[in-house]
Each structure stands twice: as C-alpha cells, then as structure tokens.
C-alpha atoms as a PDB file:
ATOM      1  CA  MET A   1     -34.370 180.704 -74.856  1.00  0.00           C
ATOM      2  CA  ASN A   2     -33.364 183.575 -72.931  1.00  0.00           C
ATOM      3  CA  PHE A   3     -36.387 184.702 -71.315  1.00  0.00           C
ATOM      4  CA  ALA A   4     -34.541 187.295 -68.723  1.00  0.00           C
ATOM      5  CA  LEU A   5     -32.555 189.203 -72.040  1.00  0.00           C
ATOM      6  CA  ILE A   6     -36.136 189.080 -73.642  1.00  0.00           C
ATOM      7  CA  LEU A   7     -37.913 190.894 -70.764  1.00  0.00           C
ATOM      8  CA  PHE A   8     -35.285 193.054 -70.478  1.00  0.00           C
ATOM      9  CA  VAL A   9     -35.430 194.372 -74.168  1.00  0.00           C
ATOM     10  CA  LEU A  10     -39.058 194.213 -73.839  1.00  0.00           C
ATOM     11  CA  LEU A  11     -38.898 196.300 -70.827  1.00  0.00           C
ATOM     12  CA  VAL A  12     -36.081 198.796 -71.896  1.00  0.00           C
ATOM     13  CA  VAL A  13     -38.177 199.492 -75.771  1.00  0.00           C
ATOM     14  CA  SER A  14     -41.595 200.091 -73.986  1.00  0.00           C
ATOM     15  CA  PHE A  15     -39.540 202.588 -71.227  1.00  0.00           C
ATOM     16  CA  VAL A  16     -38.379 204.762 -74.637  1.00  0.00           C
ATOM     17  CA  MET A  17     -41.394 204.860 -75.987  1.00  0.00           C
ATOM     18  CA  TRP A  18     -43.219 205.352 -72.939  1.00  0.00           C
ATOM     19  CA  LEU A  19     -40.299 208.057 -72.403  1.00  0.00           C
ATOM     20  CA  LEU A  20     -40.774 210.015 -75.009  1.00  0.00           C
ATOM     21  CA  ASP A  21     -44.957 210.222 -74.984  1.00  0.00           C
ATOM     22  CA  VAL A  22     -44.329 211.341 -71.936  1.00  0.00           C
ATOM     23  CA  LEU A  23     -42.010 214.276 -72.367  1.00  0.00           C
ATOM     24  CA  TRP A  24     -42.971 214.925 -76.768  1.00  0.00           C
ATOM     25  CA  LEU A  25     -45.509 212.598 -78.268  1.00  0.00           C
ATOM     26  CA  SER A  26     -48.930 213.377 -75.442  1.00  0.00           C
ATOM     27  CA  LYS A  27     -47.560 217.199 -75.544  1.00  0.00           C
ATOM     28  CA  LEU A  28     -47.898 217.412 -79.207  1.00  0.00           C
ATOM     29  CA  ARG A  29     -51.140 215.433 -79.494  1.00  0.00           C
ATOM     30  CA  GLN A  30     -52.966 218.585 -76.967  1.00  0.00           C
ATOM     31  CA  ALA A  31     -51.501 221.070 -78.413  1.00  0.00           C
ATOM     32  CA  ALA A  32     -53.066 219.254 -81.331  1.00  0.00           C
ATOM     33  CA  ALA A  33     -56.250 218.940 -79.891  1.00  0.00           C
ATOM     34  CA  ALA A  34     -56.428 222.410 -78.807  1.00  0.00           C
ATOM     35  CA  THR A  35     -56.818 223.727 -81.844  1.00  0.00           C
ATOM     36  CA  ALA A  36     -58.548 221.606 -82.960  1.00  0.00           C
ATOM     37  CA  LEU A  37     -61.437 222.294 -81.006  1.00  0.00           C
ATOM     38  CA  ALA A  38     -61.032 226.033 -80.812  1.00  0.00           C
ATOM     39  CA  GLN A  39     -62.542 225.760 -84.125  1.00  0.00           C
ATOM     40  CA  ILE A  40     -64.904 222.989 -83.140  1.00  0.00           C
ATOM     41  CA  ASP A  41     -65.842 225.714 -80.489  1.00  0.00           C
ATOM     42  CA  ALA A  42     -66.055 229.003 -83.001  1.00  0.00           C
ATOM     43  CA  ARG A  43     -67.824 226.851 -85.241  1.00  0.00           C
ATOM     44  CA  ASN A  44     -70.690 226.015 -82.636  1.00  0.00           C
ATOM     45  CA  ALA A  45     -70.672 229.178 -81.847  1.00  0.00           C
ATOM     46  CA  ALA A  46     -71.918 229.730 -84.478  1.00  0.00           C
ATOM     47  CA  ARG A  47     -74.731 227.241 -84.454  1.00  0.00           C
ATOM     48  CA  ALA A  48     -77.709 228.948 -82.791  1.00  0.00           C
ATOM     49  CA  GLY A  49     -80.140 226.699 -81.968  1.00  0.00           C
ATOM     50  CA  ALA A  50     -78.066 223.618 -81.754  1.00  0.00           C
ATOM     51  CA  ASP A  51     -78.755 221.566 -77.910  1.00  0.00           C
ATOM     52  CA  PRO A  52     -76.292 222.289 -75.338  1.00  0.00           C
ATOM     53  CA  LYS A  53     -76.036 218.565 -74.930  1.00  0.00           C
ATOM     54  CA  ALA A  54     -75.064 217.421 -78.916  1.00  0.00           C
ATOM     55  CA  LEU A  55     -72.374 219.451 -78.839  1.00  0.00           C
ATOM     56  CA  ALA A  56     -70.521 218.580 -75.756  1.00  0.00           C
ATOM     57  CA  ALA A  57     -70.728 215.386 -76.484  1.00  0.00           C
ATOM     58  CA  GLU A  58     -69.631 216.544 -79.803  1.00  0.00           C
ATOM     59  CA  ARG A  59     -66.545 218.266 -78.400  1.00  0.00           C
ATOM     60  CA  SER A  60     -65.732 215.089 -75.704  1.00  0.00           C
ATOM     61  CA  ALA A  61     -65.640 212.949 -78.870  1.00  0.00           C
ATOM     62  CA  MET A  62     -63.551 215.139 -80.361  1.00  0.00           C
ATOM     63  CA  ALA A  63     -61.150 215.538 -77.637  1.00  0.00           C
ATOM     64  CA  ALA A  64     -60.724 211.960 -76.476  1.00  0.00           C
ATOM     65  CA  ARG A  65     -59.828 210.922 -80.088  1.00  0.00           C
ATOM     66  CA  LEU A  66     -57.729 213.631 -80.968  1.00  0.00           C
ATOM     67  CA  THR A  67     -55.152 212.863 -77.256  1.00  0.00           C
ATOM     68  CA  GLN A  68     -56.063 208.721 -78.227  1.00  0.00           C
ATOM     69  CA  ARG A  69     -52.782 207.171 -77.562  1.00  0.00           C
ATOM     70  CA  PRO A  70     -51.880 205.904 -81.332  1.00  0.00           C
ATOM     71  CA  TRP A  71     -52.396 202.062 -82.226  1.00  0.00           C
ATOM     72  CA  TYR A  72     -47.717 201.737 -81.689  1.00  0.00           C
ATOM     73  CA  MET A  73     -48.761 203.285 -78.448  1.00  0.00           C
ATOM     74  CA  GLU A  74     -50.622 201.415 -77.238  1.00  0.00           C
ATOM     75  CA  TYR A  75     -48.149 198.845 -77.946  1.00  0.00           C
ATOM     76  CA  THR A  76     -45.187 199.788 -76.477  1.00  0.00           C
ATOM     77  CA  ALA A  77     -45.321 203.087 -73.999  1.00  0.00           C
ATOM     78  CA  SER A  78     -48.413 201.188 -72.915  1.00  0.00           C
ATOM     79  CA  PHE A  79     -47.581 197.938 -71.364  1.00  0.00           C
ATOM     80  CA  PHE A  80     -44.535 199.618 -69.337  1.00  0.00           C
ATOM     81  CA  PRO A  81     -45.950 199.702 -66.470  1.00  0.00           C
ATOM     82  CA  VAL A  82     -47.110 195.341 -66.424  1.00  0.00           C
ATOM     83  CA  ILE A  83     -43.722 195.229 -68.272  1.00  0.00           C
ATOM     84  CA  LEU A  84     -41.745 197.620 -64.936  1.00  0.00           C
ATOM     85  CA  ALA A  85     -43.115 195.257 -62.101  1.00  0.00           C
ATOM     86  CA  VAL A  86     -43.207 191.404 -64.122  1.00  0.00           C
ATOM     87  CA  PHE A  87     -39.673 192.361 -64.676  1.00  0.00           C
ATOM     88  CA  VAL A  88     -38.469 194.008 -60.557  1.00  0.00           C
ATOM     89  CA  LEU A  89     -40.938 190.679 -59.434  1.00  0.00           C
ATOM     90  CA  ARG A  90     -39.255 188.299 -61.825  1.00  0.00           C
ATOM     91  CA  SER A  91     -35.406 190.158 -61.314  1.00  0.00           C
ATOM     92  CA  PHE A  92     -35.600 190.177 -58.069  1.00  0.00           C
ATOM     93  CA  LEU A  93     -37.977 188.766 -56.155  1.00  0.00           C
ATOM     94  CA  TYR A  94     -39.560 184.997 -56.867  1.00  0.00           C
ATOM     95  CA  GLU A  95     -39.546 183.530 -60.456  1.00  0.00           C
ATOM     96  CA  PRO A  96     -41.237 180.143 -62.003  1.00  0.00           C
ATOM     97  CA  PHE A  97     -40.310 177.045 -61.971  1.00  0.00           C
ATOM     98  CA  ARG A  98     -41.785 173.691 -63.635  1.00  0.00           C
ATOM     99  CA  ILE A  99     -39.503 170.662 -62.429  1.00  0.00           C
ATOM    100  CA  PRO A 100     -39.332 168.714 -65.639  1.00  0.00           C
ATOM    101  CA  SER A 101     -37.611 165.703 -64.081  1.00  0.00           C
ATOM    102  CA  GLY A 102     -37.845 163.025 -61.670  1.00  0.00           C
ATOM    103  CA  SER A 103     -34.554 163.184 -59.609  1.00  0.00           C
ATOM    104  CA  MET A 104     -35.704 165.495 -56.642  1.00  0.00           C
ATOM    105  CA  ILE A 105     -38.891 162.668 -56.202  1.00  0.00           C
ATOM    106  CA  PRO A 106     -39.966 162.612 -53.901  1.00  0.00           C
ATOM    107  CA  THR A 107     -40.340 165.863 -52.683  1.00  0.00           C
ATOM    108  CA  LEU A 108     -40.397 167.188 -56.144  1.00  0.00           C
ATOM    109  CA  GLN A 109     -42.982 165.678 -58.433  1.00  0.00           C
ATOM    110  CA  ILE A 110     -41.866 165.695 -62.967  1.00  0.00           C
ATOM    111  CA  GLY A 111     -45.059 169.022 -63.809  1.00  0.00           C
ATOM    112  CA  ASP A 112     -44.978 170.636 -60.427  1.00  0.00           C
ATOM    113  CA  LEU A 113     -44.855 174.714 -60.423  1.00  0.00           C
ATOM    114  CA  ILE A 114     -43.430 176.057 -57.655  1.00  0.00           C
ATOM    115  CA  LEU A 115     -41.707 179.639 -56.611  1.00  0.00           C
ATOM    116  CA  VAL A 116     -37.695 180.597 -55.939  1.00  0.00           C
ATOM    117  CA  ASN A 117     -36.550 182.742 -53.842  1.00  0.00           C
ATOM    118  CA  LYS A 118     -33.941 184.863 -55.511  1.00  0.00           C
ATOM    119  CA  PHE A 119     -33.212 187.688 -52.576  1.00  0.00           C
ATOM    120  CA  GLU A 120     -31.966 184.925 -50.218  1.00  0.00           C
ATOM    121  CA  TYR A 121     -28.675 184.644 -51.436  1.00  0.00           C
ATOM    122  CA  GLY A 122     -27.958 188.227 -52.774  1.00  0.00           C
ATOM    123  CA  ILE A 123     -29.835 190.387 -55.162  1.00  0.00           C
ATOM    124  CA  ARG A 124     -28.124 190.331 -58.679  1.00  0.00           C
ATOM    125  CA  LEU A 125     -28.492 192.504 -61.818  1.00  0.00           C
ATOM    126  CA  PRO A 126     -30.139 190.103 -64.159  1.00  0.00           C
ATOM    127  CA  VAL A 127     -29.599 189.228 -67.690  1.00  0.00           C
ATOM    128  CA  ILE A 128     -25.917 189.311 -66.435  1.00  0.00           C
ATOM    129  CA  HIS A 129     -25.874 187.932 -62.920  1.00  0.00           C
ATOM    130  CA  THR A 130     -23.587 190.184 -60.886  1.00  0.00           C
ATOM    131  CA  LYS A 131     -23.915 189.688 -57.482  1.00  0.00           C
ATOM    132  CA  VAL A 132     -24.333 193.658 -55.817  1.00  0.00           C
ATOM    133  CA  VAL A 133     -25.479 192.676 -52.113  1.00  0.00           C
ATOM    134  CA  GLU A 134     -24.858 190.212 -50.125  1.00  0.00           C
ATOM    135  CA  LEU A 135     -27.292 188.739 -47.838  1.00  0.00           C
ATOM    136  CA  GLY A 136     -26.829 184.852 -48.012  1.00  0.00           C
ATOM    137  CA  SER A 137     -25.436 181.722 -49.185  1.00  0.00           C
ATOM    138  CA  PRO A 138     -27.034 178.414 -50.028  1.00  0.00           C
ATOM    139  CA  GLU A 139     -27.499 175.518 -46.852  1.00  0.00           C
ATOM    140  CA  ARG A 140     -27.124 172.179 -46.345  1.00  0.00           C
ATOM    141  CA  GLY A 141     -30.258 170.877 -47.329  1.00  0.00           C
ATOM    142  CA  ASP A 142     -31.380 173.605 -49.417  1.00  0.00           C
ATOM    143  CA  VAL A 143     -33.284 172.889 -52.569  1.00  0.00           C
ATOM    144  CA  ILE A 144     -31.916 175.115 -55.158  1.00  0.00           C
ATOM    145  CA  VAL A 145     -32.278 175.804 -58.204  1.00  0.00           C
ATOM    146  CA  PHE A 146     -29.335 177.154 -60.771  1.00  0.00           C
ATOM    147  CA  ARG A 147     -27.594 177.029 -64.055  1.00  0.00           C
ATOM    148  CA  PHE A 148     -25.843 174.383 -65.409  1.00  0.00           C
ATOM    149  CA  PRO A 149     -22.126 174.946 -65.417  1.00  0.00           C
ATOM    150  CA  HIS A 150     -21.895 172.854 -68.554  1.00  0.00           C
ATOM    151  CA  ASN A 151     -24.437 174.637 -70.560  1.00  0.00           C
ATOM    152  CA  PRO A 152     -25.416 178.144 -68.312  1.00  0.00           C
ATOM    153  CA  SER A 153     -28.862 178.387 -70.579  1.00  0.00           C
ATOM    154  CA  GLN A 154     -30.117 174.900 -68.947  1.00  0.00           C
ATOM    155  CA  ASP A 155     -31.243 175.445 -65.709  1.00  0.00           C
ATOM    156  CA  TYR A 156     -30.801 171.908 -63.012  1.00  0.00           C
ATOM    157  CA  ILE A 157     -32.650 172.085 -60.073  1.00  0.00           C
ATOM    158  CA  LYS A 158     -30.683 169.693 -56.670  1.00  0.00           C
ATOM    159  CA  ARG A 159     -30.715 170.055 -52.913  1.00  0.00           C
ATOM    160  CA  VAL A 160     -27.170 171.569 -51.373  1.00  0.00           C
ATOM    161  CA  VAL A 161     -25.131 168.252 -49.771  1.00  0.00           C
ATOM    162  CA  GLY A 162     -21.602 169.846 -49.595  1.00  0.00           C
ATOM    163  CA  LEU A 163     -20.482 173.741 -48.551  1.00  0.00           C
ATOM    164  CA  PRO A 164     -17.290 174.942 -49.645  1.00  0.00           C
ATOM    165  CA  GLY A 165     -14.060 172.887 -47.838  1.00  0.00           C
ATOM    166  CA  ASP A 166     -16.637 169.760 -47.491  1.00  0.00           C
ATOM    167  CA  ARG A 167     -15.270 166.661 -48.133  1.00  0.00           C
ATOM    168  CA  VAL A 168     -17.936 164.351 -49.087  1.00  0.00           C
ATOM    169  CA  GLU A 169     -18.250 161.068 -49.798  1.00  0.00           C
ATOM    170  CA  TYR A 170     -20.873 158.680 -51.344  1.00  0.00           C
ATOM    171  CA  SER A 171     -20.251 155.327 -50.845  1.00  0.00           C
ATOM    172  CA  GLY A 172     -22.406 151.848 -49.916  1.00  0.00           C
ATOM    173  CA  ARG A 173     -24.995 154.510 -51.173  1.00  0.00           C
ATOM    174  CA  ARG A 174     -24.601 156.631 -48.226  1.00  0.00           C
ATOM    175  CA  VAL A 175     -24.026 160.588 -48.337  1.00  0.00           C
ATOM    176  CA  ILE A 176     -20.406 160.659 -45.995  1.00  0.00           C
ATOM    177  CA  ILE A 177     -19.871 164.941 -44.915  1.00  0.00           C
ATOM    178  CA  ASN A 178     -16.290 165.365 -43.295  1.00  0.00           C
ATOM    179  CA  GLY A 179     -16.365 161.764 -41.877  1.00  0.00           C
ATOM    180  CA  GLN A 180     -19.311 161.537 -40.030  1.00  0.00           C
ATOM    181  CA  PRO A 181     -22.145 160.114 -42.134  1.00  0.00           C
ATOM    182  CA  VAL A 182     -25.712 162.062 -42.831  1.00  0.00           C
ATOM    183  CA  PRO A 183     -28.048 160.635 -40.559  1.00  0.00           C
ATOM    184  CA  VAL A 184     -31.483 158.691 -42.020  1.00  0.00           C
ATOM    185  CA  THR A 185     -34.559 156.607 -40.833  1.00  0.00           C
ATOM    186  CA  PRO A 186     -35.792 153.883 -43.244  1.00  0.00           C
ATOM    187  CA  LEU A 187     -39.009 154.433 -44.048  1.00  0.00           C
ATOM    188  CA  PRO A 188     -42.483 153.143 -45.861  1.00  0.00           C
ATOM    189  CA  ARG A 189     -42.047 151.880 -49.573  1.00  0.00           C
ATOM    190  CA  TYR A 190     -42.168 154.565 -52.076  1.00  0.00           C
ATOM    191  CA  PHE A 191     -43.633 154.066 -55.240  1.00  0.00           C
ATOM    192  CA  GLU A 192     -43.706 156.065 -58.241  1.00  0.00           C
ATOM    193  CA  GLU A 193     -46.920 155.767 -60.245  1.00  0.00           C
ATOM    194  CA  ASP A 194     -45.097 157.341 -63.206  1.00  0.00           C
ATOM    195  CA  ARG A 195     -42.878 153.912 -63.688  1.00  0.00           C
ATOM    196  CA  VAL A 196     -45.344 151.845 -61.494  1.00  0.00           C
ATOM    197  CA  GLN A 197     -41.981 150.827 -59.568  1.00  0.00           C
ATOM    198  CA  TYR A 198     -41.907 150.838 -55.816  1.00  0.00           C
ATOM    199  CA  TYR A 199     -38.753 152.670 -53.966  1.00  0.00           C
ATOM    200  CA  ALA A 200     -36.367 151.483 -50.801  1.00  0.00           C
ATOM    201  CA  GLN A 201     -37.958 155.855 -49.066  1.00  0.00           C
ATOM    202  CA  PHE A 202     -35.118 156.972 -46.024  1.00  0.00           C
ATOM    203  CA  GLU A 203     -35.854 159.928 -44.291  1.00  0.00           C
ATOM    204  CA  GLU A 204     -32.489 161.901 -44.540  1.00  0.00           C
ATOM    205  CA  LYS A 205     -31.206 164.566 -42.604  1.00  0.00           C
ATOM    206  CA  LEU A 206     -28.059 167.246 -43.680  1.00  0.00           C
ATOM    207  CA  GLY A 207     -28.009 169.912 -40.941  1.00  0.00           C
ATOM    208  CA  SER A 208     -31.251 170.969 -39.230  1.00  0.00           C
ATOM    209  CA  VAL A 209     -33.376 169.443 -42.225  1.00  0.00           C
ATOM    210  CA  ALA A 210     -35.690 166.478 -42.838  1.00  0.00           C
ATOM    211  CA  HIS A 211     -36.094 165.397 -45.880  1.00  0.00           C
ATOM    212  CA  ARG A 212     -37.509 161.932 -48.048  1.00  0.00           C
ATOM    213  CA  ILE A 213     -34.774 160.083 -50.459  1.00  0.00           C
ATOM    214  CA  ILE A 214     -35.671 157.396 -52.555  1.00  0.00           C
ATOM    215  CA  LEU A 215     -33.581 154.181 -53.789  1.00  0.00           C
ATOM    216  CA  SER A 216     -33.700 152.058 -56.499  1.00  0.00           C
ATOM    217  CA  GLU A 217     -33.770 148.574 -55.443  1.00  0.00           C
ATOM    218  CA  GLY A 218     -30.289 146.788 -56.043  1.00  0.00           C
ATOM    219  CA  PRO A 219     -27.637 148.033 -56.393  1.00  0.00           C
ATOM    220  CA  GLY A 220     -27.554 151.688 -57.816  1.00  0.00           C
ATOM    221  CA  VAL A 221     -25.875 152.900 -60.066  1.00  0.00           C
ATOM    222  CA  ALA A 222     -22.545 153.774 -59.565  1.00  0.00           C
ATOM    223  CA  PRO A 223     -21.028 157.368 -59.294  1.00  0.00           C
ATOM    224  CA  MET A 224     -18.478 157.776 -62.303  1.00  0.00           C
ATOM    225  CA  ARG A 225     -16.689 161.287 -63.718  1.00  0.00           C
ATOM    226  CA  ALA A 226     -18.507 162.462 -66.795  1.00  0.00           C
ATOM    227  CA  TYR A 227     -16.995 163.507 -69.476  1.00  0.00           C
ATOM    228  CA  GLN A 228     -17.531 167.365 -68.682  1.00  0.00           C
ATOM    229  CA  HIS A 229     -16.470 167.646 -65.403  1.00  0.00           C
ATOM    230  CA  THR A 230     -16.158 171.577 -63.365  1.00  0.00           C
ATOM    231  CA  HIS A 231     -13.090 169.696 -61.067  1.00  0.00           C
ATOM    232  CA  PRO A 232     -11.759 166.114 -61.900  1.00  0.00           C
ATOM    233  CA  GLN A 233      -9.068 166.810 -59.459  1.00  0.00           C
ATOM    234  CA  ALA A 234     -10.865 167.349 -56.507  1.00  0.00           C
ATOM    235  CA  CYS A 235     -12.807 164.441 -56.774  1.00  0.00           C
ATOM    236  CA  GLU A 236     -11.618 160.896 -56.350  1.00  0.00           C
ATOM    237  CA  TYR A 237     -13.830 158.019 -57.531  1.00  0.00           C
ATOM    238  CA  ALA A 238     -14.028 153.975 -56.913  1.00  0.00           C
ATOM    239  CA  ALA A 239     -15.719 151.327 -57.606  1.00  0.00           C
ATOM    240  CA  ALA A 240     -18.677 151.912 -56.975  1.00  0.00           C
ATOM    241  CA  SER A 241     -17.994 155.387 -54.753  1.00  0.00           C
ATOM    242  CA  VAL A 242     -17.337 159.123 -55.048  1.00  0.00           C
ATOM    243  CA  ALA A 243     -14.963 161.077 -52.048  1.00  0.00           C
ATOM    244  CA  CYS A 244     -14.695 164.530 -53.002  1.00  0.00           C
ATOM    245  CA  THR A 245     -13.494 168.042 -51.505  1.00  0.00           C
ATOM    246  CA  VAL A 246     -15.636 170.980 -52.574  1.00  0.00           C
ATOM    247  CA  PRO A 247     -14.077 174.365 -53.583  1.00  0.00           C
ATOM    248  CA  ALA A 248     -14.474 177.313 -53.069  1.00  0.00           C
ATOM    249  CA  GLY A 249     -17.590 178.797 -54.071  1.00  0.00           C
ATOM    250  CA  SER A 250     -18.770 175.927 -55.209  1.00  0.00           C
ATOM    251  CA  TYR A 251     -21.815 173.577 -53.782  1.00  0.00           C
ATOM    252  CA  PHE A 252     -21.905 168.916 -53.828  1.00  0.00           C
ATOM    253  CA  VAL A 253     -26.315 168.981 -54.857  1.00  0.00           C
ATOM    254  CA  MET A 254     -27.250 166.233 -55.495  1.00  0.00           C
ATOM    255  CA  GLY A 255     -31.552 165.223 -55.854  1.00  0.00           C
ATOM    256  CA  ASP A 256     -33.712 163.252 -54.162  1.00  0.00           C
ATOM    257  CA  ASN A 257     -34.019 160.868 -56.506  1.00  0.00           C
ATOM    258  CA  ARG A 258     -30.538 159.063 -55.540  1.00  0.00           C
ATOM    259  CA  ASP A 259     -30.639 157.542 -58.866  1.00  0.00           C
ATOM    260  CA  ASN A 260     -31.910 158.573 -61.123  1.00  0.00           C
ATOM    261  CA  SER A 261     -30.103 162.120 -60.799  1.00  0.00           C
ATOM    262  CA  GLU A 262     -27.159 163.858 -62.874  1.00  0.00           C
ATOM    263  CA  ASP A 263     -25.877 165.642 -60.259  1.00  0.00           C
ATOM    264  CA  SER A 264     -22.852 166.632 -58.328  1.00  0.00           C
ATOM    265  CA  ARG A 265     -21.455 162.921 -58.153  1.00  0.00           C
ATOM    266  CA  PHE A 266     -20.677 162.751 -62.099  1.00  0.00           C
ATOM    267  CA  TRP A 267     -20.611 166.005 -63.492  1.00  0.00           C
ATOM    268  CA  GLY A 268     -19.464 168.120 -60.353  1.00  0.00           C
ATOM    269  CA  PHE A 269     -19.916 171.544 -58.205  1.00  0.00           C
ATOM    270  CA  VAL A 270     -22.023 173.940 -58.731  1.00  0.00           C
ATOM    271  CA  PRO A 271     -20.074 177.672 -58.918  1.00  0.00           C
ATOM    272  CA  GLU A 272     -21.584 179.815 -55.949  1.00  0.00           C
ATOM    273  CA  GLY A 273     -22.187 182.888 -59.319  1.00  0.00           C
ATOM    274  CA  ASN A 274     -24.743 180.217 -60.850  1.00  0.00           C
ATOM    275  CA  ILE A 275     -26.930 179.940 -58.774  1.00  0.00           C
ATOM    276  CA  VAL A 276     -30.155 181.083 -59.199  1.00  0.00           C
ATOM    277  CA  GLY A 277     -31.945 180.723 -55.866  1.00  0.00           C
ATOM    278  CA  ARG A 278     -33.588 178.596 -52.794  1.00  0.00           C
ATOM    279  CA  ALA A 279     -37.085 176.587 -54.725  1.00  0.00           C
ATOM    280  CA  PHE A 280     -39.661 176.959 -51.587  1.00  0.00           C
ATOM    281  CA  PHE A 281     -42.885 176.902 -52.284  1.00  0.00           C
ATOM    282  CA  ILE A 282     -45.009 174.453 -55.359  1.00  0.00           C
ATOM    283  CA  TRP A 283     -48.177 176.600 -56.356  1.00  0.00           C
ATOM    284  CA  MET A 284     -49.783 173.507 -58.785  1.00  0.00           C
ATOM    285  CA  ASN A 285     -49.412 170.803 -60.419  1.00  0.00           C
ATOM    286  CA  PHE A 286     -51.997 170.227 -63.172  1.00  0.00           C
ATOM    287  CA  GLY A 287     -51.608 166.886 -62.926  1.00  0.00           C
ATOM    288  CA  ASN A 288     -52.064 167.102 -59.237  1.00  0.00           C
ATOM    289  CA  ILE A 289     -54.270 169.869 -58.546  1.00  0.00           C
ATOM    290  CA  GLY A 290     -53.786 169.277 -55.125  1.00  0.00           C
ATOM    291  CA  ARG A 291     -50.685 169.811 -54.910  1.00  0.00           C
ATOM    292  CA  ILE A 292     -49.789 173.409 -53.408  1.00  0.00           C
ATOM    293  CA  GLY A 293     -47.568 173.592 -50.279  1.00  0.00           C
ATOM    294  CA  SER A 294     -43.772 174.546 -49.092  1.00  0.00           C
ATOM    295  CA  PHE A 295     -41.152 172.059 -49.028  1.00  0.00           C
ATOM    296  CA  ASP A 296     -37.662 171.282 -47.287  1.00  0.00           C
END
C-alpha cells in the first residue's frame, strides 16, 4: 500500500472541499442564515412580553444550526489543516518506520519504531520522489532507509558502507574499502534472545562512525549473486568473497547482522534516487519500552 499516495489524494480532496467551502458554500450558508434570522427577528418583535434572554438564546441556536457545515464537509474540509500538517511533516521532515527484521541487530531490534530524517540528503517531491533541493549526501556509516531497487514498494534499512566510486570487498568476513581493511575491535559476545543464540560481536569503524556488528559462529554466509542484481558486471564473486566497484550515483549497503542480512553483497547497489532518508532515532518499541534514543 502506497501510504504517501493515499495521503496525497486525501490532501487534494480535503483541500478542494475546504476551498469550495471558503469561497462559496460558507457564503451561501451565511446568506441563508441572514434571511432566516431576519424573519425570526421580525416575528420576535411582535411577541410582546417574551423573555429577551430566551429569545436571544433561541436566535443564537438557530444561527449556529444554519451556519454549521453539513456532515460531508465536516469529514472533508474540516480535516484539511490536520492532513496538511501530517503531509508536510511526513513528506519533507520526518517519517516513522517500523523495523520488521533482525538484519540490523545489534543496532536496531525487531519492532523498533524509528524516525527518518527526510531532508538531510535533499528535499524531494512526495509521491514522484524527484529531488528539487540538494542538501547533502550519505556518508559511510549512515543508517539509511531506501526503496528496494528490485521492488520499490518495499522499504529496506541498511548501513552505508561504500560510496560512489569505492572499491568494496567482503572477504574473510572483513570489509575492505579501496584496499584498506575497515578497523574492527572485538567486544564481548552478543546474546540474541529471540534465537537464544550467541554471536561474535565487534566494533567496526566506517569513516567517523563507530558501530557494533555481529557474526554467527563458523564460516558464516558466503556472498553470492542473487537472481536479480542491479549491476552484475560491477561485482566479482569468489568462493567466500565479493568485490564490487560502486557505480556513480549508487551506494553499497550492508546490515550490521552480517550473516542475516540480504544486502549489496547479494542484490547490488542502492540508487541515490531510491533513498528515503537517514534513520537516527528510536522513539518506541512496544516489546522493550526502554529502547528510546538516538543511535549510530
């Protein structure tokens, strides 16, 4: 379901009804109310001895009823300001997402509700995703949400490892960028409660970003070309390694849960136009209320 498109349609419909009401329908109601109230005033003037307060209350109730929006306008035009605020916030500033899988463990857990900064990498038009203002580009170590290249209706979240033009290798379960191994520091083993399993844990440093990764015991999962690949000619696969040259305008991404992540090692690269924004904040996890705050 394309929620952005649905929200845009609701915005257009509510705006049209709101504009119609402001420019025409409200004036018709006001005119009809003025006529009816004039008749009531004339009738009340002839009612000798009537309670002035009661007459004023009756007139006020009549005016409110006659100028009230009909039900169909209440469910369209009345919601326009709210829909507009949600549309602007979600389309240009911040958008919430839910983490559906464990590919970013230990950084992000299944069920984490996160916020994504949608303007850090530039301002895009909603629905058509065309960038109209350049503000920045992803850096190594950024956690990004993007539309999966082979199914744009599906959102993925991974960490940026390679930038356009980089030579990225994954060999011996280590990341090598432009011939330089990415620094890693061993940490205590990580225990994943859902799988009741321990993993080897390391601190990896991509650029200026230090973050944790986990590796399963044993040889791990060997990279291999998936049935669909964005640039098969840009990657070379061996028995347990892959080496790719990142094309212009694209990014090489990986999950922090290295042996449980379908990422650029398998299906290719993320085009710049598919990037939704940078994930930066956990605002709720209903299974773990204490998981609130920013992350690297």
